[in-house]
Amino acid sequence: MTPLLESASRSSATRIILVGRNRAGYWVALEQGGFFGGLFVNRAHAMKYALLKNGGHPESIIEVTREIELEFCSSS
């Protein structure tokens, strides 16, 4: 398989998104591998983002009861 085809197959795979609250009470949607995520004021917005980012697969969204945090990394 060529690298181009490998990249295409990885990007089309359904991503697992974790949804839960952080310690400040905000809602977090976080891709399981930490590749992307978002911070939201309510559950509905976090779920909408998760569905958008995983291609509309509600079965691959996991709502967690433990606190989850969205970490920001700088590229410098």
PDB file of N, CA and C in Angstrom:
ATOM      1  N   MET A   1       0.848  -1.179   0.000  1.00  0.00           N
ATOM      2  CA  MET A   1       0.000   0.000   0.000  1.00  0.00           C
ATOM      3  C   MET A   1       0.893   1.242   0.000  1.00  0.00           C
ATOM      4  N   THR A   2       0.550   2.223  -0.796  1.00  0.00           N
ATOM      5  CA  THR A   2       1.350   3.452  -0.861  1.00  0.00           C
ATOM      6  C   THR A   2       1.040   4.345   0.332  1.00  0.00           C
ATOM      7  N   PRO A   3       1.953   5.222   0.712  1.00  0.00           N
ATOM      8  CA  PRO A   3       1.688   6.141   1.829  1.00  0.00           C
ATOM      9  C   PRO A   3       0.430   6.974   1.629  1.00  0.00           C
ATOM     10  N   LEU A   4       0.134   7.361   0.389  1.00  0.00           N
ATOM     11  CA  LEU A   4      -1.063   8.157   0.134  1.00  0.00           C
ATOM     12  C   LEU A   4      -2.311   7.369   0.499  1.00  0.00           C
ATOM     13  N   LEU A   5      -2.368   6.104   0.131  1.00  0.00           N
ATOM     14  CA  LEU A   5      -3.529   5.282   0.454  1.00  0.00           C
ATOM     15  C   LEU A   5      -3.627   5.006   1.945  1.00  0.00           C
ATOM     16  N   GLU A   6      -2.490   4.822   2.613  1.00  0.00           N
ATOM     17  CA  GLU A   6      -2.509   4.608   4.055  1.00  0.00           C
ATOM     18  C   GLU A   6      -3.076   5.823   4.775  1.00  0.00           C
ATOM     19  N   SER A   7      -2.678   7.026   4.353  1.00  0.00           N
ATOM     20  CA  SER A   7      -3.190   8.250   4.969  1.00  0.00           C
ATOM     21  C   SER A   7      -4.688   8.368   4.771  1.00  0.00           C
ATOM     22  N   ALA A   8      -5.159   8.058   3.587  1.00  0.00           N
ATOM     23  CA  ALA A   8      -6.584   8.158   3.303  1.00  0.00           C
ATOM     24  C   ALA A   8      -7.381   7.180   4.144  1.00  0.00           C
ATOM     25  N   SER A   9      -6.887   5.955   4.321  1.00  0.00           N
ATOM     26  CA  SER A   9      -7.632   4.973   5.088  1.00  0.00           C
ATOM     27  C   SER A   9      -7.660   5.339   6.572  1.00  0.00           C
ATOM     28  N   ARG A  10      -6.581   5.909   7.105  1.00  0.00           N
ATOM     29  CA  ARG A  10      -6.573   6.327   8.497  1.00  0.00           C
ATOM     30  C   ARG A  10      -7.551   7.474   8.745  1.00  0.00           C
ATOM     31  N   SER A  11      -7.607   8.431   7.817  1.00  0.00           N
ATOM     32  CA  SER A  11      -8.461   9.592   8.029  1.00  0.00           C
ATOM     33  C   SER A  11      -9.940   9.233   7.927  1.00  0.00           C
ATOM     34  N   SER A  12     -10.271   8.150   7.208  1.00  0.00           N
ATOM     35  CA  SER A  12     -11.668   7.777   7.059  1.00  0.00           C
ATOM     36  C   SER A  12     -12.152   6.883   8.197  1.00  0.00           C
ATOM     37  N   ALA A  13     -11.233   6.404   9.046  1.00  0.00           N
ATOM     38  CA  ALA A  13     -11.624   5.551  10.162  1.00  0.00           C
ATOM     39  C   ALA A  13     -12.430   6.355  11.180  1.00  0.00           C
ATOM     40  N   THR A  14     -13.409   5.691  11.786  1.00  0.00           N
ATOM     41  CA  THR A  14     -14.218   6.341  12.812  1.00  0.00           C
ATOM     42  C   THR A  14     -13.358   6.588  14.048  1.00  0.00           C
ATOM     43  N   ARG A  15     -13.392   7.799  14.535  1.00  0.00           N
ATOM     44  CA  ARG A  15     -12.600   8.171  15.706  1.00  0.00           C
ATOM     45  C   ARG A  15     -13.455   8.062  16.971  1.00  0.00           C
ATOM     46  N   ILE A  16     -12.833   7.586  18.032  1.00  0.00           N
ATOM     47  CA  ILE A  16     -13.479   7.534  19.340  1.00  0.00           C
ATOM     48  C   ILE A  16     -13.303   8.907  19.987  1.00  0.00           C
ATOM     49  N   ILE A  17     -14.409   9.490  20.424  1.00  0.00           N
ATOM     50  CA  ILE A  17     -14.381  10.800  21.078  1.00  0.00           C
ATOM     51  C   ILE A  17     -14.879  10.632  22.515  1.00  0.00           C
ATOM     52  N   LEU A  18     -14.117  11.127  23.456  1.00  0.00           N
ATOM     53  CA  LEU A  18     -14.513  11.121  24.864  1.00  0.00           C
ATOM     54  C   LEU A  18     -15.164  12.457  25.181  1.00  0.00           C
ATOM     55  N   VAL A  19     -16.292  12.409  25.869  1.00  0.00           N
ATOM     56  CA  VAL A  19     -17.005  13.629  26.262  1.00  0.00           C
ATOM     57  C   VAL A  19     -17.229  13.576  27.768  1.00  0.00           C
ATOM     58  N   GLY A  20     -16.882  14.655  28.439  1.00  0.00           N
ATOM     59  CA  GLY A  20     -17.067  14.731  29.882  1.00  0.00           C
ATOM     60  C   GLY A  20     -16.754  16.135  30.364  1.00  0.00           C
ATOM     61  N   ARG A  21     -16.707  16.288  31.681  1.00  0.00           N
ATOM     62  CA  ARG A  21     -16.440  17.608  32.269  1.00  0.00           C
ATOM     63  C   ARG A  21     -15.018  17.689  32.803  1.00  0.00           C
ATOM     64  N   ASN A  22     -14.488  18.910  32.763  1.00  0.00           N
ATOM     65  CA  ASN A  22     -13.178  19.134  33.367  1.00  0.00           C
ATOM     66  C   ASN A  22     -13.363  19.594  34.807  1.00  0.00           C
ATOM     67  N   ARG A  23     -12.267  19.851  35.507  1.00  0.00           N
ATOM     68  CA  ARG A  23     -12.390  20.203  36.930  1.00  0.00           C
ATOM     69  C   ARG A  23     -13.084  21.543  37.158  1.00  0.00           C
ATOM     70  N   ALA A  24     -13.115  22.401  36.135  1.00  0.00           N
ATOM     71  CA  ALA A  24     -13.804  23.689  36.257  1.00  0.00           C
ATOM     72  C   ALA A  24     -15.293  23.580  35.923  1.00  0.00           C
ATOM     73  N   GLY A  25     -15.740  22.413  35.470  1.00  0.00           N
ATOM     74  CA  GLY A  25     -17.149  22.215  35.160  1.00  0.00           C
ATOM     75  C   GLY A  25     -17.517  22.412  33.702  1.00  0.00           C
ATOM     76  N   TYR A  26     -16.543  22.779  32.860  1.00  0.00           N
ATOM     77  CA  TYR A  26     -16.809  22.930  31.429  1.00  0.00           C
ATOM     78  C   TYR A  26     -16.835  21.556  30.766  1.00  0.00           C
ATOM     79  N   TRP A  27     -17.517  21.472  29.649  1.00  0.00           N
ATOM     80  CA  TRP A  27     -17.585  20.226  28.898  1.00  0.00           C
ATOM     81  C   TRP A  27     -16.412  20.137  27.940  1.00  0.00           C
ATOM     82  N   VAL A  28     -15.833  18.947  27.846  1.00  0.00           N
ATOM     83  CA  VAL A  28     -14.690  18.679  26.986  1.00  0.00           C
ATOM     84  C   VAL A  28     -15.065  17.557  26.023  1.00  0.00           C
ATOM     85  N   ALA A  29     -14.716  17.726  24.764  1.00  0.00           N
ATOM     86  CA  ALA A  29     -14.791  16.647  23.776  1.00  0.00           C
ATOM     87  C   ALA A  29     -13.358  16.425  23.320  1.00  0.00           C
ATOM     88  N   LEU A  30     -12.864  15.196  23.477  1.00  0.00           N
ATOM     89  CA  LEU A  30     -11.455  14.910  23.232  1.00  0.00           C
ATOM     90  C   LEU A  30     -11.309  13.613  22.455  1.00  0.00           C
ATOM     91  N   GLU A  31     -10.615  13.675  21.334  1.00  0.00           N
ATOM     92  CA  GLU A  31     -10.329  12.473  20.560  1.00  0.00           C
ATOM     93  C   GLU A  31      -9.456  11.571  21.421  1.00  0.00           C
ATOM     94  N   GLN A  32      -9.740  10.282  21.417  1.00  0.00           N
ATOM     95  CA  GLN A  32      -9.094   9.339  22.318  1.00  0.00           C
ATOM     96  C   GLN A  32      -7.572   9.405  22.286  1.00  0.00           C
ATOM     97  N   GLY A  33      -6.984   9.635  21.142  1.00  0.00           N
ATOM     98  CA  GLY A  33      -5.533   9.735  21.031  1.00  0.00           C
ATOM     99  C   GLY A  33      -4.988  11.113  21.339  1.00  0.00           C
ATOM    100  N   GLY A  34      -5.867  12.076  21.608  1.00  0.00           N
ATOM    101  CA  GLY A  34      -5.440  13.431  21.924  1.00  0.00           C
ATOM    102  C   GLY A  34      -5.096  14.284  20.719  1.00  0.00           C
ATOM    103  N   PHE A  35      -5.506  13.848  19.523  1.00  0.00           N
ATOM    104  CA  PHE A  35      -5.172  14.591  18.306  1.00  0.00           C
ATOM    105  C   PHE A  35      -5.965  15.882  18.167  1.00  0.00           C
ATOM    106  N   PHE A  36      -7.172  15.939  18.692  1.00  0.00           N
ATOM    107  CA  PHE A  36      -7.963  17.166  18.646  1.00  0.00           C
ATOM    108  C   PHE A  36      -8.982  17.130  19.766  1.00  0.00           C
ATOM    109  N   GLY A  37      -9.545  18.290  20.055  1.00  0.00           N
ATOM    110  CA  GLY A  37     -10.553  18.384  21.099  1.00  0.00           C
ATOM    111  C   GLY A  37     -11.089  19.790  21.181  1.00  0.00           C
ATOM    112  N   GLY A  38     -12.065  19.969  22.062  1.00  0.00           N
ATOM    113  CA  GLY A  38     -12.661  21.282  22.238  1.00  0.00           C
ATOM    114  C   GLY A  38     -13.215  21.444  23.635  1.00  0.00           C
ATOM    115  N   LEU A  39     -13.404  22.679  24.028  1.00  0.00           N
ATOM    116  CA  LEU A  39     -13.928  23.052  25.335  1.00  0.00           C
ATOM    117  C   LEU A  39     -15.259  23.754  25.107  1.00  0.00           C
ATOM    118  N   PHE A  40     -16.304  23.355  25.861  1.00  0.00           N
ATOM    119  CA  PHE A  40     -17.665  23.835  25.594  1.00  0.00           C
ATOM    120  C   PHE A  40     -18.380  24.197  26.892  1.00  0.00           C
ATOM    121  N   VAL A  41     -19.366  25.085  26.776  1.00  0.00           N
ATOM    122  CA  VAL A  41     -20.119  25.510  27.958  1.00  0.00           C
ATOM    123  C   VAL A  41     -21.248  24.546  28.294  1.00  0.00           C
ATOM    124  N   ASN A  42     -21.653  23.700  27.332  1.00  0.00           N
ATOM    125  CA  ASN A  42     -22.696  22.734  27.650  1.00  0.00           C
ATOM    126  C   ASN A  42     -22.495  21.417  26.907  1.00  0.00           C
ATOM    127  N   ARG A  43     -23.192  20.396  27.374  1.00  0.00           N
ATOM    128  CA  ARG A  43     -23.069  19.046  26.830  1.00  0.00           C
ATOM    129  C   ARG A  43     -23.513  18.993  25.374  1.00  0.00           C
ATOM    130  N   ALA A  44     -24.590  19.693  25.047  1.00  0.00           N
ATOM    131  CA  ALA A  44     -25.132  19.658  23.679  1.00  0.00           C
ATOM    132  C   ALA A  44     -24.090  20.113  22.655  1.00  0.00           C
ATOM    133  N   HIS A  45     -23.369  21.173  22.961  1.00  0.00           N
ATOM    134  CA  HIS A  45     -22.342  21.653  22.034  1.00  0.00           C
ATOM    135  C   HIS A  45     -21.172  20.675  21.940  1.00  0.00           C
ATOM    136  N   ALA A  46     -20.791  20.076  23.057  1.00  0.00           N
ATOM    137  CA  ALA A  46     -19.705  19.090  23.041  1.00  0.00           C
ATOM    138  C   ALA A  46     -20.099  17.882  22.199  1.00  0.00           C
ATOM    139  N   MET A  47     -21.338  17.418  22.324  1.00  0.00           N
ATOM    140  CA  MET A  47     -21.808  16.270  21.556  1.00  0.00           C
ATOM    141  C   MET A  47     -21.903  16.606  20.065  1.00  0.00           C
ATOM    142  N   LYS A  48     -22.357  17.804  19.752  1.00  0.00           N
ATOM    143  CA  LYS A  48     -22.459  18.218  18.347  1.00  0.00           C
ATOM    144  C   LYS A  48     -21.071  18.243  17.707  1.00  0.00           C
ATOM    145  N   TYR A  49     -20.092  18.775  18.417  1.00  0.00           N
ATOM    146  CA  TYR A  49     -18.716  18.805  17.934  1.00  0.00           C
ATOM    147  C   TYR A  49     -18.189  17.373  17.734  1.00  0.00           C
ATOM    148  N   ALA A  50     -18.431  16.506  18.709  1.00  0.00           N
ATOM    149  CA  ALA A  50     -17.962  15.127  18.625  1.00  0.00           C
ATOM    150  C   ALA A  50     -18.549  14.428  17.404  1.00  0.00           C
ATOM    151  N   LEU A  51     -19.829  14.613  17.154  1.00  0.00           N
ATOM    152  CA  LEU A  51     -20.466  14.008  15.978  1.00  0.00           C
ATOM    153  C   LEU A  51     -19.891  14.560  14.683  1.00  0.00           C
ATOM    154  N   LEU A  52     -19.643  15.839  14.651  1.00  0.00           N
ATOM    155  CA  LEU A  52     -19.060  16.459  13.459  1.00  0.00           C
ATOM    156  C   LEU A  52     -17.667  15.899  13.181  1.00  0.00           C
ATOM    157  N   LYS A  53     -16.863  15.768  14.224  1.00  0.00           N
ATOM    158  CA  LYS A  53     -15.480  15.338  14.062  1.00  0.00           C
ATOM    159  C   LYS A  53     -15.332  13.838  13.790  1.00  0.00           C
ATOM    160  N   ASN A  54     -16.316  13.018  14.190  1.00  0.00           N
ATOM    161  CA  ASN A  54     -16.169  11.578  13.959  1.00  0.00           C
ATOM    162  C   ASN A  54     -17.040  11.077  12.804  1.00  0.00           C
ATOM    163  N   GLY A  55     -17.553  11.993  12.022  1.00  0.00           N
ATOM    164  CA  GLY A  55     -18.318  11.588  10.840  1.00  0.00           C
ATOM    165  C   GLY A  55     -19.746  11.171  11.122  1.00  0.00           C
ATOM    166  N   GLY A  56     -20.307  11.603  12.245  1.00  0.00           N
ATOM    167  CA  GLY A  56     -21.704  11.315  12.557  1.00  0.00           C
ATOM    168  C   GLY A  56     -21.957   9.919  13.107  1.00  0.00           C
ATOM    169  N   HIS A  57     -21.034   9.407  13.908  1.00  0.00           N
ATOM    170  CA  HIS A  57     -21.171   8.067  14.487  1.00  0.00           C
ATOM    171  C   HIS A  57     -21.376   8.161  16.003  1.00  0.00           C
ATOM    172  N   PRO A  58     -22.629   8.267  16.458  1.00  0.00           N
ATOM    173  CA  PRO A  58     -22.874   8.406  17.900  1.00  0.00           C
ATOM    174  C   PRO A  58     -22.388   7.209  18.713  1.00  0.00           C
ATOM    175  N   GLU A  59     -22.291   6.040  18.085  1.00  0.00           N
ATOM    176  CA  GLU A  59     -21.840   4.853  18.807  1.00  0.00           C
ATOM    177  C   GLU A  59     -20.353   4.911  19.179  1.00  0.00           C
ATOM    178  N   SER A  60     -19.619   5.841  18.592  1.00  0.00           N
ATOM    179  CA  SER A  60     -18.199   5.955  18.920  1.00  0.00           C
ATOM    180  C   SER A  60     -17.902   7.179  19.797  1.00  0.00           C
ATOM    181  N   ILE A  61     -18.944   7.686  20.452  1.00  0.00           N
ATOM    182  CA  ILE A  61     -18.775   8.754  21.443  1.00  0.00           C
ATOM    183  C   ILE A  61     -18.974   8.133  22.817  1.00  0.00           C
ATOM    184  N   ILE A  62     -18.002   8.317  23.682  1.00  0.00           N
ATOM    185  CA  ILE A  62     -18.064   7.747  25.021  1.00  0.00           C
ATOM    186  C   ILE A  62     -18.148   8.888  26.025  1.00  0.00           C
ATOM    187  N   GLU A  63     -19.244   8.911  26.782  1.00  0.00           N
ATOM    188  CA  GLU A  63     -19.389   9.922  27.826  1.00  0.00           C
ATOM    189  C   GLU A  63     -18.757   9.371  29.097  1.00  0.00           C
ATOM    190  N   VAL A  64     -17.770  10.086  29.605  1.00  0.00           N
ATOM    191  CA  VAL A  64     -17.022   9.610  30.774  1.00  0.00           C
ATOM    192  C   VAL A  64     -17.488  10.328  32.034  1.00  0.00           C
ATOM    193  N   THR A  65     -17.388   9.629  33.167  1.00  0.00           N
ATOM    194  CA  THR A  65     -17.794  10.229  34.438  1.00  0.00           C
ATOM    195  C   THR A  65     -16.610  10.844  35.179  1.00  0.00           C
ATOM    196  N   ARG A  66     -15.394  10.421  34.824  1.00  0.00           N
ATOM    197  CA  ARG A  66     -14.213  11.013  35.456  1.00  0.00           C
ATOM    198  C   ARG A  66     -13.910  12.356  34.786  1.00  0.00           C
ATOM    199  N   GLU A  67     -13.147  13.187  35.473  1.00  0.00           N
ATOM    200  CA  GLU A  67     -12.759  14.471  34.881  1.00  0.00           C
ATOM    201  C   GLU A  67     -11.796  14.241  33.733  1.00  0.00           C
ATOM    202  N   ILE A  68     -11.974  14.990  32.658  1.00  0.00           N
ATOM    203  CA  ILE A  68     -11.012  14.964  31.568  1.00  0.00           C
ATOM    204  C   ILE A  68     -10.574  16.395  31.289  1.00  0.00           C
ATOM    205  N   GLU A  69      -9.353  16.537  30.892  1.00  0.00           N
ATOM    206  CA  GLU A  69      -8.795  17.865  30.641  1.00  0.00           C
ATOM    207  C   GLU A  69      -8.315  17.985  29.200  1.00  0.00           C
ATOM    208  N   LEU A  70      -8.493  19.150  28.654  1.00  0.00           N
ATOM    209  CA  LEU A  70      -7.998  19.478  27.328  1.00  0.00           C
ATOM    210  C   LEU A  70      -6.664  20.185  27.519  1.00  0.00           C
ATOM    211  N   GLU A  71      -5.601  19.586  27.016  1.00  0.00           N
ATOM    212  CA  GLU A  71      -4.259  20.170  27.181  1.00  0.00           C
ATOM    213  C   GLU A  71      -3.853  20.874  25.908  1.00  0.00           C
ATOM    214  N   PHE A  72      -3.260  22.034  26.055  1.00  0.00           N
ATOM    215  CA  PHE A  72      -2.777  22.821  24.915  1.00  0.00           C
ATOM    216  C   PHE A  72      -1.269  22.705  24.851  1.00  0.00           C
ATOM    217  N   CYS A  73      -0.758  22.431  23.681  1.00  0.00           N
ATOM    218  CA  CYS A  73       0.682  22.310  23.477  1.00  0.00           C
ATOM    219  C   CYS A  73       1.141  23.386  22.506  1.00  0.00           C
ATOM    220  N   SER A  74       2.273  23.952  22.780  1.00  0.00           N
ATOM    221  CA  SER A  74       2.831  24.909  21.823  1.00  0.00           C
ATOM    222  C   SER A  74       3.803  24.180  20.909  1.00  0.00           C
ATOM    223  N   SER A  75       3.924  24.649  19.688  1.00  0.00           N
ATOM    224  CA  SER A  75       4.801  23.992  18.732  1.00  0.00           C
ATOM    225  C   SER A  75       6.213  24.552  18.755  1.00  0.00           C
ATOM    226  N   SER A  76       6.499  25.463  19.680  1.00  0.00           N
ATOM    227  CA  SER A  76       7.848  26.030  19.721  1.00  0.00           C
ATOM    228  C   SER A  76       8.745  25.316  20.692  1.00  0.00           C
TER     229      SER A  76
END
